[in-house]
Amino acid sequence: MSPVRRCSRTACRQPAVFTLTYVYADSTAVLGPLAAYVEPHCYDLCAMHADRLTAPRGWEVVRLPVETVGGGPGSDDLEALADAVREAARPPARAADDADGPDGMRRGHLRVVRSDPSRPDPRG
């Protein structure tokens, strides 16, 4: 299997460089840079078919800017990815009210709530 994605148009053997997505609720066709992975309801297009793209009558075509230099993720993208990885690796903050049980042992996300002995049991 080739790592290069091909144009979705029938019989076109050119490499895909754009991804076409339809937003049916807004009657809009969005043509943007090639998506990171294949989506089931999106179409990968080569440059020629992307240039020739027309939308159905009454629809709008939105062409997102495509970065042609470098071909890879930009420094802002890499910084955002690094920040997200750091945030995911950070241990979750423990809340003071449910971190420890009455005996000082951690109880996880569940707590035992004891009923007031002076109140009657509603179950009878």
N, C-alpha and C. Protein backbone atom coordinates (compact mmCIF):
# COMPACT_ATOMS: atom_id res chain seq x y z
N MET A 1 0.84 -1.17 0.00
CA MET A 1 0.00 0.00 0.00
C MET A 1 0.89 1.24 0.00
N SER A 2 0.59 2.18 -0.85
CA SER A 2 1.39 3.39 -0.98
C SER A 2 1.04 4.38 0.12
N PRO A 3 2.06 5.04 0.71
CA PRO A 3 1.78 6.02 1.75
C PRO A 3 1.19 7.32 1.21
N VAL A 4 1.25 7.53 -0.12
CA VAL A 4 0.72 8.75 -0.74
C VAL A 4 -0.77 8.55 -1.01
N ARG A 5 -1.58 9.50 -0.52
CA ARG A 5 -3.01 9.41 -0.79
C ARG A 5 -3.29 9.94 -2.17
N ARG A 6 -4.19 9.30 -2.88
CA ARG A 6 -4.54 9.66 -4.25
C ARG A 6 -5.83 10.48 -4.29
N CYS A 7 -6.01 11.18 -5.37
CA CYS A 7 -7.22 11.96 -5.61
C CYS A 7 -8.43 11.03 -5.61
N SER A 8 -9.53 11.49 -5.03
CA SER A 8 -10.75 10.69 -4.93
C SER A 8 -11.53 10.60 -6.23
N ARG A 9 -11.21 11.43 -7.20
CA ARG A 9 -11.93 11.41 -8.47
C ARG A 9 -11.61 10.12 -9.23
N THR A 10 -12.62 9.56 -9.84
CA THR A 10 -12.49 8.30 -10.57
C THR A 10 -11.42 8.40 -11.65
N ALA A 11 -10.55 7.43 -11.70
CA ALA A 11 -9.49 7.29 -12.70
C ALA A 11 -8.37 8.33 -12.58
N CYS A 12 -8.40 9.17 -11.58
CA CYS A 12 -7.31 10.13 -11.38
C CYS A 12 -6.23 9.48 -10.52
N ARG A 13 -5.01 9.51 -10.99
CA ARG A 13 -3.90 8.87 -10.28
C ARG A 13 -2.97 9.88 -9.62
N GLN A 14 -3.36 11.15 -9.61
CA GLN A 14 -2.50 12.20 -9.04
C GLN A 14 -2.55 12.16 -7.51
N PRO A 15 -1.48 12.62 -6.86
CA PRO A 15 -1.51 12.67 -5.40
C PRO A 15 -2.46 13.75 -4.90
N ALA A 16 -3.13 13.47 -3.80
CA ALA A 16 -4.07 14.42 -3.21
C ALA A 16 -3.31 15.49 -2.45
N VAL A 17 -3.75 16.74 -2.59
CA VAL A 17 -3.14 17.85 -1.86
C VAL A 17 -4.19 18.70 -1.13
N PHE A 18 -5.48 18.44 -1.37
CA PHE A 18 -6.57 19.17 -0.73
C PHE A 18 -7.59 18.18 -0.21
N THR A 19 -8.38 18.61 0.78
CA THR A 19 -9.49 17.81 1.30
C THR A 19 -10.76 18.63 1.16
N LEU A 20 -11.79 18.02 0.59
CA LEU A 20 -13.08 18.65 0.38
C LEU A 20 -14.08 18.08 1.39
N THR A 21 -14.77 18.98 2.08
CA THR A 21 -15.78 18.59 3.05
C THR A 21 -17.05 19.37 2.76
N TYR A 22 -18.18 18.70 2.84
CA TYR A 22 -19.47 19.37 2.66
C TYR A 22 -20.10 19.62 4.02
N VAL A 23 -20.56 20.85 4.24
CA VAL A 23 -21.31 21.20 5.44
C VAL A 23 -22.75 21.39 4.98
N TYR A 24 -23.52 20.33 5.09
CA TYR A 24 -24.87 20.33 4.55
C TYR A 24 -25.77 21.34 5.23
N ALA A 25 -25.63 21.54 6.53
CA ALA A 25 -26.49 22.48 7.27
C ALA A 25 -26.32 23.91 6.77
N ASP A 26 -25.12 24.25 6.29
CA ASP A 26 -24.85 25.61 5.82
C ASP A 26 -24.81 25.71 4.29
N SER A 27 -25.08 24.62 3.59
CA SER A 27 -24.97 24.57 2.12
C SER A 27 -23.62 25.12 1.67
N THR A 28 -22.56 24.56 2.26
CA THR A 28 -21.21 25.03 1.99
C THR A 28 -20.29 23.87 1.69
N ALA A 29 -19.42 24.06 0.71
CA ALA A 29 -18.35 23.11 0.42
C ALA A 29 -17.05 23.77 0.88
N VAL A 30 -16.30 23.09 1.74
CA VAL A 30 -15.06 23.64 2.28
C VAL A 30 -13.88 22.88 1.67
N LEU A 31 -13.00 23.62 1.02
CA LEU A 31 -11.81 23.03 0.41
C LEU A 31 -10.60 23.57 1.16
N GLY A 32 -9.87 22.68 1.80
CA GLY A 32 -8.74 23.10 2.60
C GLY A 32 -7.54 22.21 2.38
N PRO A 33 -6.50 22.40 3.18
CA PRO A 33 -5.31 21.58 3.04
C PRO A 33 -5.63 20.11 3.33
N LEU A 34 -4.80 19.24 2.84
CA LEU A 34 -5.00 17.80 3.00
C LEU A 34 -5.10 17.46 4.48
N ALA A 35 -6.16 16.76 4.84
CA ALA A 35 -6.39 16.37 6.24
C ALA A 35 -5.30 15.40 6.69
N ALA A 36 -5.06 15.38 7.99
CA ALA A 36 -4.01 14.54 8.55
C ALA A 36 -4.31 13.05 8.33
N TYR A 37 -5.59 12.69 8.33
CA TYR A 37 -5.96 11.30 8.09
C TYR A 37 -7.26 11.25 7.30
N VAL A 38 -7.56 10.11 6.75
CA VAL A 38 -8.73 9.95 5.87
C VAL A 38 -10.00 9.96 6.70
N GLU A 39 -10.94 10.80 6.31
CA GLU A 39 -12.25 10.87 6.94
C GLU A 39 -13.26 10.19 6.02
N PRO A 40 -14.25 9.51 6.56
CA PRO A 40 -15.19 8.79 5.70
C PRO A 40 -16.07 9.68 4.82
N HIS A 41 -16.37 10.91 5.23
CA HIS A 41 -17.26 11.76 4.44
C HIS A 41 -16.54 12.94 3.82
N CYS A 42 -15.24 12.82 3.63
CA CYS A 42 -14.44 13.86 3.00
C CYS A 42 -13.82 13.29 1.73
N TYR A 43 -13.41 14.17 0.85
CA TYR A 43 -12.84 13.76 -0.42
C TYR A 43 -11.47 14.41 -0.58
N ASP A 44 -10.47 13.59 -0.89
CA ASP A 44 -9.13 14.11 -1.15
C ASP A 44 -9.03 14.41 -2.63
N LEU A 45 -8.52 15.61 -2.96
CA LEU A 45 -8.45 16.03 -4.36
C LEU A 45 -7.04 16.45 -4.73
N CYS A 46 -6.68 16.23 -5.97
CA CYS A 46 -5.41 16.72 -6.51
C CYS A 46 -5.57 18.22 -6.83
N ALA A 47 -4.49 18.87 -7.18
CA ALA A 47 -4.53 20.32 -7.44
C ALA A 47 -5.44 20.65 -8.62
N MET A 48 -5.40 19.84 -9.68
CA MET A 48 -6.20 20.12 -10.87
C MET A 48 -7.70 20.04 -10.54
N HIS A 49 -8.12 18.98 -9.86
CA HIS A 49 -9.54 18.84 -9.55
C HIS A 49 -9.99 19.86 -8.50
N ALA A 50 -9.11 20.27 -7.62
CA ALA A 50 -9.46 21.31 -6.64
C ALA A 50 -9.69 22.64 -7.35
N ASP A 51 -8.87 22.95 -8.36
CA ASP A 51 -9.04 24.19 -9.11
C ASP A 51 -10.35 24.21 -9.90
N ARG A 52 -10.76 23.06 -10.39
CA ARG A 52 -11.98 22.95 -11.20
C ARG A 52 -13.24 22.78 -10.37
N LEU A 53 -13.13 22.74 -9.06
CA LEU A 53 -14.26 22.45 -8.19
C LEU A 53 -15.37 23.50 -8.31
N THR A 54 -16.57 23.01 -8.50
CA THR A 54 -17.76 23.87 -8.45
C THR A 54 -18.73 23.24 -7.46
N ALA A 55 -19.56 24.07 -6.85
CA ALA A 55 -20.53 23.57 -5.87
C ALA A 55 -21.90 23.52 -6.51
N PRO A 56 -22.80 22.77 -5.91
CA PRO A 56 -24.17 22.74 -6.43
C PRO A 56 -24.80 24.14 -6.39
N ARG A 57 -25.80 24.35 -7.21
CA ARG A 57 -26.48 25.65 -7.27
C ARG A 57 -27.01 26.02 -5.89
N GLY A 58 -26.73 27.27 -5.47
CA GLY A 58 -27.17 27.74 -4.16
C GLY A 58 -26.18 27.47 -3.04
N TRP A 59 -25.11 26.76 -3.34
CA TRP A 59 -24.10 26.45 -2.33
C TRP A 59 -22.94 27.42 -2.46
N GLU A 60 -22.20 27.57 -1.39
CA GLU A 60 -21.02 28.43 -1.37
C GLU A 60 -19.78 27.56 -1.24
N VAL A 61 -18.71 27.95 -1.92
CA VAL A 61 -17.42 27.26 -1.79
C VAL A 61 -16.50 28.13 -0.95
N VAL A 62 -15.98 27.56 0.11
CA VAL A 62 -15.00 28.25 0.96
C VAL A 62 -13.66 27.58 0.73
N ARG A 63 -12.71 28.36 0.25
CA ARG A 63 -11.37 27.84 0.00
C ARG A 63 -10.44 28.34 1.10
N LEU A 64 -10.02 27.43 1.96
CA LEU A 64 -9.12 27.79 3.05
C LEU A 64 -7.70 27.96 2.51
N PRO A 65 -6.94 28.89 3.07
CA PRO A 65 -5.56 29.08 2.58
C PRO A 65 -4.71 27.84 2.84
N VAL A 66 -3.88 27.52 1.86
CA VAL A 66 -3.01 26.35 1.96
C VAL A 66 -1.58 26.84 2.01
N GLU A 67 -0.84 26.35 2.99
CA GLU A 67 0.57 26.71 3.13
C GLU A 67 1.37 25.85 2.15
N THR A 68 2.00 26.49 1.18
CA THR A 68 2.72 25.73 0.15
C THR A 68 4.20 25.57 0.47
N VAL A 69 4.72 26.38 1.38
CA VAL A 69 6.15 26.29 1.71
C VAL A 69 6.33 25.33 2.86
N GLY A 70 7.31 24.47 2.77
CA GLY A 70 7.64 23.56 3.86
C GLY A 70 6.92 22.23 3.79
N GLY A 71 5.65 22.24 3.46
CA GLY A 71 4.91 21.01 3.29
C GLY A 71 4.58 20.29 4.59
N GLY A 72 5.06 20.76 5.73
CA GLY A 72 4.78 20.08 6.98
C GLY A 72 4.13 21.03 7.96
N PRO A 73 3.96 20.56 9.19
CA PRO A 73 3.33 21.43 10.17
C PRO A 73 4.21 22.62 10.50
N GLY A 74 3.60 23.76 10.77
CA GLY A 74 4.34 24.97 11.11
C GLY A 74 4.78 24.95 12.56
N SER A 75 5.57 25.95 12.95
CA SER A 75 6.08 25.99 14.32
C SER A 75 4.95 26.19 15.32
N ASP A 76 3.91 26.95 14.95
CA ASP A 76 2.76 27.12 15.85
C ASP A 76 2.05 25.80 16.08
N ASP A 77 1.91 25.00 15.03
CA ASP A 77 1.27 23.69 15.16
C ASP A 77 2.07 22.79 16.09
N LEU A 78 3.39 22.80 15.92
CA LEU A 78 4.23 21.94 16.75
C LEU A 78 4.22 22.40 18.21
N GLU A 79 4.20 23.71 18.44
CA GLU A 79 4.12 24.22 19.80
C GLU A 79 2.80 23.84 20.46
N ALA A 80 1.72 23.96 19.74
CA ALA A 80 0.41 23.59 20.27
C ALA A 80 0.36 22.10 20.60
N LEU A 81 0.94 21.28 19.75
CA LEU A 81 0.98 19.85 20.00
C LEU A 81 1.81 19.54 21.24
N ALA A 82 2.97 20.18 21.37
CA ALA A 82 3.83 19.96 22.54
C ALA A 82 3.11 20.39 23.82
N ASP A 83 2.41 21.52 23.78
CA ASP A 83 1.66 21.98 24.96
C ASP A 83 0.56 20.98 25.34
N ALA A 84 -0.13 20.45 24.34
CA ALA A 84 -1.19 19.48 24.61
C ALA A 84 -0.63 18.20 25.22
N VAL A 85 0.53 17.75 24.75
CA VAL A 85 1.16 16.54 25.30
C VAL A 85 1.59 16.79 26.74
N ARG A 86 2.17 17.97 27.00
CA ARG A 86 2.58 18.29 28.37
C ARG A 86 1.37 18.33 29.30
N GLU A 87 0.28 18.92 28.84
CA GLU A 87 -0.93 19.02 29.66
C GLU A 87 -1.51 17.63 29.95
N ALA A 88 -1.51 16.76 28.96
CA ALA A 88 -2.04 15.41 29.15
C ALA A 88 -1.16 14.59 30.08
N ALA A 89 0.13 14.84 30.11
CA ALA A 89 1.05 14.08 30.95
C ALA A 89 1.04 14.57 32.40
N ARG A 90 0.54 15.77 32.62
CA ARG A 90 0.51 16.34 33.98
C ARG A 90 -0.49 15.56 34.82
N PRO A 91 -0.11 15.17 36.06
CA PRO A 91 -1.06 14.42 36.90
C PRO A 91 -2.25 15.31 37.26
N PRO A 92 -3.44 14.72 37.37
CA PRO A 92 -4.62 15.52 37.67
C PRO A 92 -4.53 16.12 39.07
N ALA A 93 -5.05 17.32 39.22
CA ALA A 93 -5.06 17.98 40.53
C ALA A 93 -6.08 17.27 41.42
N ARG A 94 -5.69 17.07 42.67
CA ARG A 94 -6.59 16.41 43.62
C ARG A 94 -7.39 17.44 44.37
N ALA A 95 -8.68 17.23 44.44
CA ALA A 95 -9.54 18.14 45.19
C ALA A 95 -9.40 17.82 46.67
N ALA A 96 -9.40 18.84 47.52
CA ALA A 96 -9.18 18.65 48.95
C ALA A 96 -10.33 17.90 49.61
N ASP A 97 -11.57 18.09 49.13
CA ASP A 97 -12.71 17.48 49.81
C ASP A 97 -12.88 15.99 49.54
N ASP A 98 -12.36 15.48 48.43
CA ASP A 98 -12.54 14.06 48.15
C ASP A 98 -11.23 13.32 47.94
N ALA A 99 -10.11 13.92 48.32
CA ALA A 99 -8.82 13.27 48.10
C ALA A 99 -8.60 12.12 49.05
N ASP A 100 -8.94 12.29 50.32
CA ASP A 100 -8.70 11.27 51.32
C ASP A 100 -9.99 10.95 52.06
N GLY A 101 -10.11 9.70 52.47
CA GLY A 101 -11.25 9.30 53.27
C GLY A 101 -11.04 9.70 54.72
N PRO A 102 -12.01 9.37 55.58
CA PRO A 102 -11.91 9.75 56.99
C PRO A 102 -10.73 9.07 57.70
N ASP A 103 -10.31 7.92 57.20
CA ASP A 103 -9.18 7.23 57.82
C ASP A 103 -7.85 7.61 57.17
N GLY A 104 -7.84 8.63 56.30
CA GLY A 104 -6.61 9.10 55.68
C GLY A 104 -6.22 8.36 54.42
N MET A 105 -7.00 7.35 54.00
CA MET A 105 -6.67 6.59 52.80
C MET A 105 -7.46 7.14 51.61
N ARG A 106 -6.82 7.09 50.49
CA ARG A 106 -7.48 7.58 49.27
C ARG A 106 -8.62 6.64 48.91
N ARG A 107 -9.75 7.25 48.51
CA ARG A 107 -10.94 6.47 48.17
C ARG A 107 -11.28 6.54 46.69
N GLY A 108 -10.42 7.12 45.85
CA GLY A 108 -10.71 7.21 44.43
C GLY A 108 -11.77 8.26 44.15
N HIS A 109 -12.60 8.04 43.14
CA HIS A 109 -13.60 9.03 42.78
C HIS A 109 -14.91 8.86 43.54
N LEU A 110 -15.01 7.82 44.38
CA LEU A 110 -16.22 7.58 45.15
C LEU A 110 -15.97 7.89 46.63
N ARG A 111 -16.99 8.36 47.33
CA ARG A 111 -16.91 8.62 48.77
C ARG A 111 -18.07 7.93 49.46
N VAL A 112 -17.87 7.57 50.70
CA VAL A 112 -18.94 7.04 51.52
C VAL A 112 -19.53 8.21 52.27
N VAL A 113 -20.83 8.41 52.14
CA VAL A 113 -21.52 9.47 52.85
C VAL A 113 -22.35 8.79 53.94
N ARG A 114 -22.00 9.04 55.16
CA ARG A 114 -22.69 8.41 56.29
C ARG A 114 -23.96 9.21 56.60
N SER A 115 -25.02 8.48 56.91
CA SER A 115 -26.27 9.15 57.27
C SER A 115 -26.21 9.61 58.72
N ASP A 116 -27.06 10.58 59.03
CA ASP A 116 -27.15 11.12 60.38
C ASP A 116 -27.93 10.12 61.24
N PRO A 117 -27.35 9.60 62.34
CA PRO A 117 -28.06 8.59 63.14
C PRO A 117 -29.33 9.11 63.79
N SER A 118 -29.47 10.42 63.93
CA SER A 118 -30.68 10.97 64.56
C SER A 118 -31.87 11.01 63.60
N ARG A 119 -31.60 10.90 62.31
CA ARG A 119 -32.69 10.93 61.30
C ARG A 119 -33.15 9.51 61.02
N PRO A 120 -34.46 9.29 60.88
CA PRO A 120 -34.95 7.94 60.58
C PRO A 120 -34.57 7.52 59.17
N ASP A 121 -34.41 6.23 58.98
CA ASP A 121 -34.06 5.67 57.66
C ASP A 121 -35.30 5.72 56.77
N PRO A 122 -35.21 6.42 55.58
CA PRO A 122 -36.39 6.54 54.70
C PRO A 122 -36.82 5.22 54.09
N ARG A 123 -35.96 4.21 54.12
CA ARG A 123 -36.32 2.93 53.51
C ARG A 123 -37.21 2.11 54.44
N GLY A 124 -37.34 2.54 55.66
CA GLY A 124 -38.26 1.88 56.57
C GLY A 124 -37.61 1.02 57.50
